[in-house]
C-alpha atoms as a PDB file:
ATOM      1  CA  MET A   1     -54.200 -77.627 -10.407  1.00  0.00           C
ATOM      2  CA  VAL A   2     -52.988 -75.067 -12.980  1.00  0.00           C
ATOM      3  CA  ILE A   3     -55.754 -76.090 -15.395  1.00  0.00           C
ATOM      4  CA  LEU A   4     -58.478 -75.784 -12.777  1.00  0.00           C
ATOM      5  CA  LEU A   5     -57.215 -72.357 -11.733  1.00  0.00           C
ATOM      6  CA  PHE A   6     -57.165 -71.299 -15.385  1.00  0.00           C
ATOM      7  CA  PHE A   7     -60.720 -72.560 -15.894  1.00  0.00           C
ATOM      8  CA  ILE A   8     -61.992 -70.757 -12.785  1.00  0.00           C
ATOM      9  CA  ALA A   9     -60.227 -67.530 -13.786  1.00  0.00           C
ATOM     10  CA  HIS A  10     -61.659 -67.673 -17.309  1.00  0.00           C
ATOM     11  CA  TRP A  11     -65.155 -68.457 -15.978  1.00  0.00           C
ATOM     12  CA  TYR A  12     -65.309 -65.499 -13.596  1.00  0.00           C
ATOM     13  CA  LEU A  13     -63.396 -62.931 -15.661  1.00  0.00           C
ATOM     14  CA  SER A  14     -65.549 -63.631 -18.712  1.00  0.00           C
ATOM     15  CA  LEU A  15     -68.664 -63.505 -16.546  1.00  0.00           C
ATOM     16  CA  LEU A  16     -67.554 -60.240 -14.938  1.00  0.00           C
ATOM     17  CA  MET A  17     -67.382 -58.535 -18.309  1.00  0.00           C
ATOM     18  CA  GLN A  18     -70.757 -59.962 -19.283  1.00  0.00           C
ATOM     19  CA  THR A  19     -72.585 -58.852 -16.157  1.00  0.00           C
ATOM     20  CA  PHE A  20     -70.723 -55.563 -15.575  1.00  0.00           C
ATOM     21  CA  PHE A  21     -70.093 -54.238 -19.065  1.00  0.00           C
ATOM     22  CA  LEU A  22     -72.522 -55.941 -21.439  1.00  0.00           C
ATOM     23  CA  HIS A  23     -75.498 -56.297 -19.112  1.00  0.00           C
ATOM     24  CA  ARG A  24     -75.459 -53.536 -16.513  1.00  0.00           C
ATOM     25  CA  TYR A  25     -73.746 -50.931 -18.699  1.00  0.00           C
ATOM     26  CA  ALA A  26     -74.492 -51.613 -22.385  1.00  0.00           C
ATOM     27  CA  ALA A  27     -78.078 -52.797 -21.934  1.00  0.00           C
ATOM     28  CA  HIS A  28     -79.273 -50.923 -18.840  1.00  0.00           C
ATOM     29  CA  LYS A  29     -76.914 -47.947 -18.478  1.00  0.00           C
ATOM     30  CA  MET A  30     -76.966 -48.297 -14.681  1.00  0.00           C
ATOM     31  CA  PHE A  31     -73.841 -46.130 -14.645  1.00  0.00           C
ATOM     32  CA  THR A  32     -71.910 -43.926 -17.035  1.00  0.00           C
ATOM     33  CA  MET A  33     -68.238 -43.858 -17.999  1.00  0.00           C
ATOM     34  CA  SER A  34     -65.975 -41.820 -20.255  1.00  0.00           C
ATOM     35  CA  PRO A  35     -65.355 -42.877 -23.883  1.00  0.00           C
ATOM     36  CA  ALA A  36     -61.797 -43.858 -22.924  1.00  0.00           C
ATOM     37  CA  TRP A  37     -62.941 -46.170 -20.125  1.00  0.00           C
ATOM     38  CA  GLU A  38     -65.629 -47.590 -22.421  1.00  0.00           C
ATOM     39  CA  LYS A  39     -62.918 -48.573 -24.900  1.00  0.00           C
ATOM     40  CA  PHE A  40     -60.831 -50.022 -22.063  1.00  0.00           C
ATOM     41  CA  PHE A  41     -63.669 -52.323 -21.000  1.00  0.00           C
ATOM     42  CA  TYR A  42     -64.357 -53.216 -24.644  1.00  0.00           C
ATOM     43  CA  ILE A  43     -60.771 -54.482 -24.857  1.00  0.00           C
ATOM     44  CA  LEU A  44     -61.043 -56.321 -21.528  1.00  0.00           C
ATOM     45  CA  THR A  45     -64.213 -58.004 -22.787  1.00  0.00           C
ATOM     46  CA  TRP A  46     -62.353 -59.242 -25.859  1.00  0.00           C
ATOM     47  CA  ILE A  47     -59.457 -60.517 -23.737  1.00  0.00           C
ATOM     48  CA  PHE A  48     -61.527 -62.163 -21.000  1.00  0.00           C
ATOM     49  CA  GLN A  49     -64.238 -63.643 -23.236  1.00  0.00           C
ATOM     50  CA  GLY A  50     -61.755 -64.561 -25.936  1.00  0.00           C
ATOM     51  CA  SER A  51     -63.128 -67.031 -28.454  1.00  0.00           C
ATOM     52  CA  SER A  52     -66.697 -66.471 -27.221  1.00  0.00           C
ATOM     53  CA  PHE A  53     -66.557 -62.656 -27.445  1.00  0.00           C
ATOM     54  CA  LEU A  54     -70.047 -61.196 -27.325  1.00  0.00           C
ATOM     55  CA  SER A  55     -70.678 -57.877 -29.019  1.00  0.00           C
ATOM     56  CA  PRO A  56     -71.623 -55.306 -26.347  1.00  0.00           C
ATOM     57  CA  TYR A  57     -73.844 -53.641 -28.934  1.00  0.00           C
ATOM     58  CA  ALA A  58     -75.716 -56.786 -29.976  1.00  0.00           C
ATOM     59  CA  TYR A  59     -75.982 -57.980 -26.388  1.00  0.00           C
ATOM     60  CA  GLY A  60     -77.331 -54.627 -25.232  1.00  0.00           C
ATOM     61  CA  VAL A  61     -79.985 -54.420 -27.935  1.00  0.00           C
ATOM     62  CA  MET A  62     -81.026 -58.041 -27.550  1.00  0.00           C
ATOM     63  CA  HIS A  63     -81.269 -57.801 -23.772  1.00  0.00           C
ATOM     64  CA  ARG A  64     -83.476 -54.735 -24.017  1.00  0.00           C
ATOM     65  CA  LEU A  65     -85.786 -56.741 -26.260  1.00  0.00           C
ATOM     66  CA  HIS A  66     -85.797 -59.531 -23.686  1.00  0.00           C
ATOM     67  CA  HIS A  67     -87.024 -57.162 -20.981  1.00  0.00           C
ATOM     68  CA  ALA A  68     -89.596 -55.519 -23.208  1.00  0.00           C
ATOM     69  CA  TYR A  69     -91.057 -58.800 -24.542  1.00  0.00           C
ATOM     70  CA  ALA A  70     -90.110 -61.371 -21.898  1.00  0.00           C
ATOM     71  CA  ASP A  71     -91.734 -64.772 -22.483  1.00  0.00           C
ATOM     72  CA  THR A  72     -93.608 -63.707 -25.597  1.00  0.00           C
ATOM     73  CA  GLU A  73     -93.036 -64.575 -29.253  1.00  0.00           C
ATOM     74  CA  ASN A  74     -90.898 -61.446 -29.603  1.00  0.00           C
ATOM     75  CA  ASP A  75     -88.492 -62.482 -26.825  1.00  0.00           C
ATOM     76  CA  PRO A  76     -85.097 -63.327 -28.407  1.00  0.00           C
ATOM     77  CA  HIS A  77     -84.595 -66.178 -25.926  1.00  0.00           C
ATOM     78  CA  SER A  78     -87.537 -67.654 -24.041  1.00  0.00           C
ATOM     79  CA  PRO A  79     -87.898 -71.288 -22.915  1.00  0.00           C
ATOM     80  CA  SER A  80     -91.655 -70.796 -23.266  1.00  0.00           C
ATOM     81  CA  PHE A  81     -91.260 -70.476 -27.048  1.00  0.00           C
ATOM     82  CA  SER A  82     -88.435 -72.945 -27.619  1.00  0.00           C
ATOM     83  CA  LYS A  83     -88.599 -76.712 -28.079  1.00  0.00           C
ATOM     84  CA  SER A  84     -85.367 -77.288 -26.177  1.00  0.00           C
ATOM     85  CA  LEU A  85     -82.343 -75.590 -24.694  1.00  0.00           C
ATOM     86  CA  PHE A  86     -80.488 -75.982 -27.989  1.00  0.00           C
ATOM     87  CA  ASP A  87     -83.419 -74.643 -29.997  1.00  0.00           C
ATOM     88  CA  MET A  88     -83.386 -71.516 -27.803  1.00  0.00           C
ATOM     89  CA  MET A  89     -79.613 -71.153 -28.245  1.00  0.00           C
ATOM     90  CA  TRP A  90     -79.981 -71.402 -32.032  1.00  0.00           C
ATOM     91  CA  LYS A  91     -82.718 -68.746 -32.102  1.00  0.00           C
ATOM     92  CA  THR A  92     -80.592 -66.504 -29.875  1.00  0.00           C
ATOM     93  CA  LYS A  93     -77.623 -66.934 -32.230  1.00  0.00           C
ATOM     94  CA  ASN A  94     -79.742 -65.891 -35.214  1.00  0.00           C
ATOM     95  CA  TYR A  95     -81.053 -62.825 -33.377  1.00  0.00           C
ATOM     96  CA  TYR A  96     -77.527 -61.940 -32.336  1.00  0.00           C
ATOM     97  CA  ASN A  97     -76.074 -62.326 -35.841  1.00  0.00           C
ATOM     98  CA  ASN A  98     -78.803 -60.193 -37.392  1.00  0.00           C
ATOM     99  CA  ILE A  99     -77.974 -57.373 -34.973  1.00  0.00           C
ATOM    100  CA  VAL A 100     -74.207 -57.715 -35.444  1.00  0.00           C
ATOM    101  CA  HIS A 101     -74.536 -57.654 -39.245  1.00  0.00           C
ATOM    102  CA  LYS A 102     -77.236 -54.946 -39.123  1.00  0.00           C
ATOM    103  CA  THR A 103     -79.819 -56.998 -41.012  1.00  0.00           C
ATOM    104  CA  ASP A 104     -82.376 -56.681 -38.216  1.00  0.00           C
ATOM    105  CA  LYS A 105     -85.586 -54.635 -38.223  1.00  0.00           C
ATOM    106  CA  ILE A 106     -85.513 -53.710 -34.536  1.00  0.00           C
ATOM    107  CA  GLU A 107     -87.002 -50.378 -33.496  1.00  0.00           C
ATOM    108  CA  ALA A 108     -84.510 -47.551 -32.973  1.00  0.00           C
ATOM    109  CA  LYS A 109     -85.578 -47.033 -29.349  1.00  0.00           C
ATOM    110  CA  PHE A 110     -83.946 -50.329 -28.373  1.00  0.00           C
ATOM    111  CA  LYS A 111     -80.620 -49.202 -29.869  1.00  0.00           C
ATOM    112  CA  ALA A 112     -80.477 -45.725 -28.371  1.00  0.00           C
ATOM    113  CA  GLY A 113     -77.340 -45.161 -26.323  1.00  0.00           C
ATOM    114  CA  VAL A 114     -75.993 -48.704 -26.680  1.00  0.00           C
ATOM    115  CA  PRO A 115     -72.178 -48.525 -26.998  1.00  0.00           C
ATOM    116  CA  HIS A 116     -70.685 -49.415 -30.357  1.00  0.00           C
ATOM    117  CA  TRP A 117     -66.949 -49.440 -31.138  1.00  0.00           C
ATOM    118  CA  ASN A 118     -66.801 -50.639 -34.716  1.00  0.00           C
ATOM    119  CA  PHE A 119     -63.146 -51.744 -34.598  1.00  0.00           C
ATOM    120  CA  MET A 120     -63.546 -54.009 -31.567  1.00  0.00           C
ATOM    121  CA  GLU A 121     -66.941 -55.260 -32.748  1.00  0.00           C
ATOM    122  CA  ARG A 122     -65.350 -56.401 -35.996  1.00  0.00           C
ATOM    123  CA  LEU A 123     -62.208 -57.775 -34.369  1.00  0.00           C
ATOM    124  CA  GLY A 124     -64.091 -59.780 -31.754  1.00  0.00           C
ATOM    125  CA  ASP A 125     -66.397 -61.297 -34.367  1.00  0.00           C
ATOM    126  CA  LEU A 126     -63.627 -62.376 -36.762  1.00  0.00           C
ATOM    127  CA  TRP A 127     -63.212 -66.136 -37.038  1.00  0.00           C
ATOM    128  CA  LEU A 128     -59.456 -65.551 -37.062  1.00  0.00           C
ATOM    129  CA  SER A 129     -59.781 -63.961 -33.622  1.00  0.00           C
ATOM    130  CA  ARG A 130     -62.023 -66.713 -32.276  1.00  0.00           C
ATOM    131  CA  LEU A 131     -59.809 -69.489 -33.653  1.00  0.00           C
ATOM    132  CA  GLY A 132     -56.720 -67.703 -32.341  1.00  0.00           C
ATOM    133  CA  TRP A 133     -58.062 -67.607 -28.790  1.00  0.00           C
ATOM    134  CA  GLY A 134     -59.214 -71.215 -29.083  1.00  0.00           C
ATOM    135  CA  THR A 135     -55.743 -72.252 -30.200  1.00  0.00           C
ATOM    136  CA  LEU A 136     -54.192 -70.483 -27.199  1.00  0.00           C
ATOM    137  CA  TYR A 137     -56.522 -72.386 -24.857  1.00  0.00           C
ATOM    138  CA  LEU A 138     -55.567 -75.674 -26.500  1.00  0.00           C
ATOM    139  CA  LEU A 139     -51.845 -74.929 -26.286  1.00  0.00           C
ATOM    140  CA  PHE A 140     -52.214 -74.022 -22.610  1.00  0.00           C
ATOM    141  CA  TYR A 141     -53.941 -77.347 -21.935  1.00  0.00           C
ATOM    142  CA  LEU A 142     -51.301 -79.270 -23.875  1.00  0.00           C
ATOM    143  CA  GLN A 143     -48.653 -77.652 -21.699  1.00  0.00           C
ATOM    144  CA  PHE A 144     -50.293 -77.946 -18.278  1.00  0.00           C
ATOM    145  CA  ALA A 145     -52.994 -80.654 -18.368  1.00  0.00           C
ATOM    146  CA  THR A 146     -52.133 -83.584 -16.110  1.00  0.00           C
ATOM    147  CA  ALA A 147     -55.122 -85.843 -16.911  1.00  0.00           C
ATOM    148  CA  TRP A 148     -57.054 -86.671 -20.072  1.00  0.00           C
ATOM    149  CA  TRP A 149     -60.409 -85.651 -18.596  1.00  0.00           C
ATOM    150  CA  MET A 150     -59.272 -82.023 -18.318  1.00  0.00           C
ATOM    151  CA  PHE A 151     -59.572 -81.644 -22.084  1.00  0.00           C
ATOM    152  CA  PHE A 152     -63.361 -81.997 -21.730  1.00  0.00           C
ATOM    153  CA  LEU A 153     -63.301 -78.483 -20.234  1.00  0.00           C
ATOM    154  CA  LEU A 154     -62.084 -76.986 -23.509  1.00  0.00           C
ATOM    155  CA  PRO A 155     -65.530 -76.730 -25.184  1.00  0.00           C
ATOM    156  CA  ILE A 156     -66.685 -74.612 -22.243  1.00  0.00           C
ATOM    157  CA  HIS A 157     -63.723 -72.279 -22.796  1.00  0.00           C
ATOM    158  CA  PHE A 158     -64.597 -72.036 -26.497  1.00  0.00           C
ATOM    159  CA  LEU A 159     -68.257 -71.138 -25.755  1.00  0.00           C
ATOM    160  CA  MET A 160     -67.928 -69.438 -22.372  1.00  0.00           C
ATOM    161  CA  GLY A 161     -70.155 -66.438 -23.175  1.00  0.00           C
ATOM    162  CA  PRO A 162     -73.076 -68.459 -24.575  1.00  0.00           C
ATOM    163  CA  VAL A 163     -72.746 -70.956 -21.698  1.00  0.00           C
ATOM    164  CA  HIS A 164     -73.203 -68.140 -19.188  1.00  0.00           C
ATOM    165  CA  GLY A 165     -76.137 -66.810 -21.176  1.00  0.00           C
ATOM    166  CA  VAL A 166     -77.986 -70.091 -21.395  1.00  0.00           C
ATOM    167  CA  ILE A 167     -77.669 -70.775 -17.658  1.00  0.00           C
ATOM    168  CA  ILE A 168     -79.750 -67.674 -16.986  1.00  0.00           C
ATOM    169  CA  ASN A 169     -81.931 -67.499 -20.096  1.00  0.00           C
ATOM    170  CA  TRP A 170     -83.024 -71.141 -19.832  1.00  0.00           C
ATOM    171  CA  TYR A 171     -82.642 -72.371 -16.263  1.00  0.00           C
ATOM    172  CA  ALA A 172     -83.510 -69.109 -14.463  1.00  0.00           C
ATOM    173  CA  HIS A 173     -86.800 -69.050 -16.365  1.00  0.00           C
ATOM    174  CA  ARG A 174     -87.641 -72.616 -15.371  1.00  0.00           C
ATOM    175  CA  TYR A 175     -86.218 -73.323 -11.924  1.00  0.00           C
ATOM    176  CA  GLY A 176     -85.754 -71.406  -8.695  1.00  0.00           C
ATOM    177  CA  TYR A 177     -87.748 -69.227  -6.341  1.00  0.00           C
ATOM    178  CA  VAL A 178     -89.629 -65.946  -6.672  1.00  0.00           C
ATOM    179  CA  ASN A 179     -89.355 -62.837  -4.511  1.00  0.00           C
ATOM    180  CA  PHE A 180     -91.551 -60.581  -6.629  1.00  0.00           C
ATOM    181  CA  LYS A 181     -94.585 -60.978  -8.859  1.00  0.00           C
ATOM    182  CA  VAL A 182     -93.626 -60.197 -12.469  1.00  0.00           C
ATOM    183  CA  ASP A 183     -95.323 -60.682 -15.827  1.00  0.00           C
ATOM    184  CA  ASP A 184     -92.958 -63.443 -16.940  1.00  0.00           C
ATOM    185  CA  THR A 185     -91.301 -66.625 -15.694  1.00  0.00           C
ATOM    186  CA  ALA A 186     -88.063 -65.078 -14.343  1.00  0.00           C
ATOM    187  CA  LYS A 187     -86.875 -66.803 -11.166  1.00  0.00           C
ATOM    188  CA  ASN A 188     -83.946 -66.536  -8.771  1.00  0.00           C
ATOM    189  CA  LEU A 189     -81.893 -69.586  -9.648  1.00  0.00           C
ATOM    190  CA  LEU A 190     -79.587 -69.636  -6.598  1.00  0.00           C
ATOM    191  CA  PRO A 191     -80.226 -68.384  -3.048  1.00  0.00           C
ATOM    192  CA  PHE A 192     -76.500 -67.597  -2.737  1.00  0.00           C
ATOM    193  CA  ASP A 193     -75.026 -66.766  -6.116  1.00  0.00           C
ATOM    194  CA  PHE A 194     -71.492 -68.122  -5.950  1.00  0.00           C
ATOM    195  CA  LEU A 195     -71.674 -69.208  -9.602  1.00  0.00           C
ATOM    196  CA  MET A 196     -73.067 -66.325 -11.693  1.00  0.00           C
ATOM    197  CA  MET A 197     -71.888 -63.161  -9.884  1.00  0.00           C
ATOM    198  CA  GLY A 198     -75.415 -61.954  -9.160  1.00  0.00           C
ATOM    199  CA  GLU A 199     -76.930 -62.829 -12.540  1.00  0.00           C
ATOM    200  CA  SER A 200     -78.923 -65.706 -11.103  1.00  0.00           C
ATOM    201  CA  TYR A 201     -81.121 -63.271  -9.112  1.00  0.00           C
ATOM    202  CA  HIS A 202     -83.156 -63.029 -12.284  1.00  0.00           C
ATOM    203  CA  ASN A 203     -86.562 -62.496 -10.707  1.00  0.00           C
ATOM    204  CA  ASN A 204     -85.199 -59.564  -8.688  1.00  0.00           C
ATOM    205  CA  HIS A 205     -83.680 -58.083 -11.824  1.00  0.00           C
ATOM    206  CA  HIS A 206     -86.864 -58.409 -13.864  1.00  0.00           C
ATOM    207  CA  LYS A 207     -88.762 -56.576 -11.140  1.00  0.00           C
ATOM    208  CA  PHE A 208     -86.192 -53.791 -10.742  1.00  0.00           C
ATOM    209  CA  GLY A 209     -84.387 -53.626 -14.074  1.00  0.00           C
ATOM    210  CA  GLY A 210     -82.435 -50.475 -13.300  1.00  0.00           C
ATOM    211  CA  ARG A 211     -81.137 -51.513  -9.876  1.00  0.00           C
ATOM    212  CA  ALA A 212     -77.373 -52.091  -9.877  1.00  0.00           C
ATOM    213  CA  ASN A 213     -77.512 -54.454  -6.876  1.00  0.00           C
ATOM    214  CA  PHE A 214     -79.328 -57.604  -7.963  1.00  0.00           C
ATOM    215  CA  GLY A 215     -79.612 -59.020  -4.434  1.00  0.00           C
ATOM    216  CA  PHE A 216     -82.482 -58.225  -2.042  1.00  0.00           C
ATOM    217  CA  LYS A 217     -82.718 -60.745   0.788  1.00  0.00           C
ATOM    218  CA  TRP A 218     -79.987 -61.118   3.409  1.00  0.00           C
ATOM    219  CA  HIS A 219     -78.547 -64.206   1.721  1.00  0.00           C
ATOM    220  CA  GLU A 220     -78.641 -62.747  -1.805  1.00  0.00           C
ATOM    221  CA  PHE A 221     -75.112 -61.395  -2.141  1.00  0.00           C
ATOM    222  CA  ASP A 222     -74.349 -59.876  -5.540  1.00  0.00           C
ATOM    223  CA  PRO A 223     -70.535 -60.120  -5.986  1.00  0.00           C
ATOM    224  CA  THR A 224     -70.544 -57.639  -8.878  1.00  0.00           C
ATOM    225  CA  TYR A 225     -72.091 -54.830  -6.855  1.00  0.00           C
ATOM    226  CA  PRO A 226     -69.045 -54.161  -4.596  1.00  0.00           C
ATOM    227  CA  PHE A 227     -66.932 -54.036  -7.770  1.00  0.00           C
ATOM    228  CA  ILE A 228     -69.301 -51.387  -9.167  1.00  0.00           C
ATOM    229  CA  LEU A 229     -69.126 -49.418  -5.902  1.00  0.00           C
ATOM    230  CA  LEU A 230     -65.320 -49.535  -6.005  1.00  0.00           C
ATOM    231  CA  LEU A 231     -65.167 -48.248  -9.586  1.00  0.00           C
ATOM    232  CA  ASN A 232     -67.669 -45.551  -8.668  1.00  0.00           C
ATOM    233  CA  LYS A 233     -65.517 -44.476  -5.702  1.00  0.00           C
ATOM    234  CA  LEU A 234     -62.453 -44.361  -7.972  1.00  0.00           C
ATOM    235  CA  ASN A 235     -64.409 -42.144 -10.421  1.00  0.00           C
ATOM    236  CA  ILE A 236     -63.949 -44.697 -13.208  1.00  0.00           C
ATOM    237  CA  ILE A 237     -67.741 -44.922 -13.521  1.00  0.00           C
ATOM    238  CA  LYS A 238     -70.578 -42.788 -12.209  1.00  0.00           C
ATOM    239  CA  LEU A 239     -73.338 -44.885 -10.658  1.00  0.00           C
ATOM    240  CA  LYS A 240     -76.840 -43.594 -11.298  1.00  0.00           C
ATOM    241  CA  THR A 241     -78.928 -43.148  -8.164  1.00  0.00           C
ATOM    242  CA  ASN A 242     -82.269 -43.327  -9.981  1.00  0.00           C
ATOM    243  CA  ASN A 243     -83.325 -46.979 -10.067  1.00  0.00           C
ATOM    244  CA  ASP A 244     -86.406 -46.287 -12.156  1.00  0.00           C
ATOM    245  CA  LEU A 245     -84.634 -46.790 -15.484  1.00  0.00           C
ATOM    246  CA  LYS A 246     -85.799 -48.047 -18.858  1.00  0.00           C
ATOM    247  CA  TYR A 247     -86.170 -51.658 -19.908  1.00  0.00           C
ATOM    248  CA  MET A 248     -87.363 -52.904 -16.542  1.00  0.00           C
END
């Protein structure tokens, strides 16, 4: 029971940072926050994503490219230009590493305003950090696992961020339903998104890239949106009212 609760907590806390901070803030700037709060959420991202820490800067730049060039040869992660799920993941990793190590040739407009805290970017990308988090997960399982099959969950802990990414970048471009006509293959993967905290409403998001609430139909509840509204009410963030933002 303890292991399952730990897995569920890691799944949703890691995903929360990915959808709230990396996606809706770093890439789309759907809301603003002070430099101090930005650093706070940088640290939370490192804690909650752990061994699979994703650079907010690299994620933001790469996701902007995805919106600008969705399902073309210039898309960093498109099933339409990948031989398999693993081929797409490998291409995404290479794109990501080039941005992290600043060896890319991406236009400056895609990098404008994307948050970058050099200390946390470096710390999160260190192998010592990744191995340290992975070791903590293993020690936790050794202490609390009550069945051998539970250890098969460990690889998901190690790669939690990329696992979340591939669910949307691969499956939500191949399976699901469509609410809006768009110029790419983005689909809504789940009619009720209990799994991806609103991220699976991918077709909605590709149509309205600046809209903080990813749900549209009555059954499309976006669990991240009430969290955003709460932070906005507490003046931790300032939600933008103009939905007609860049990188739609």
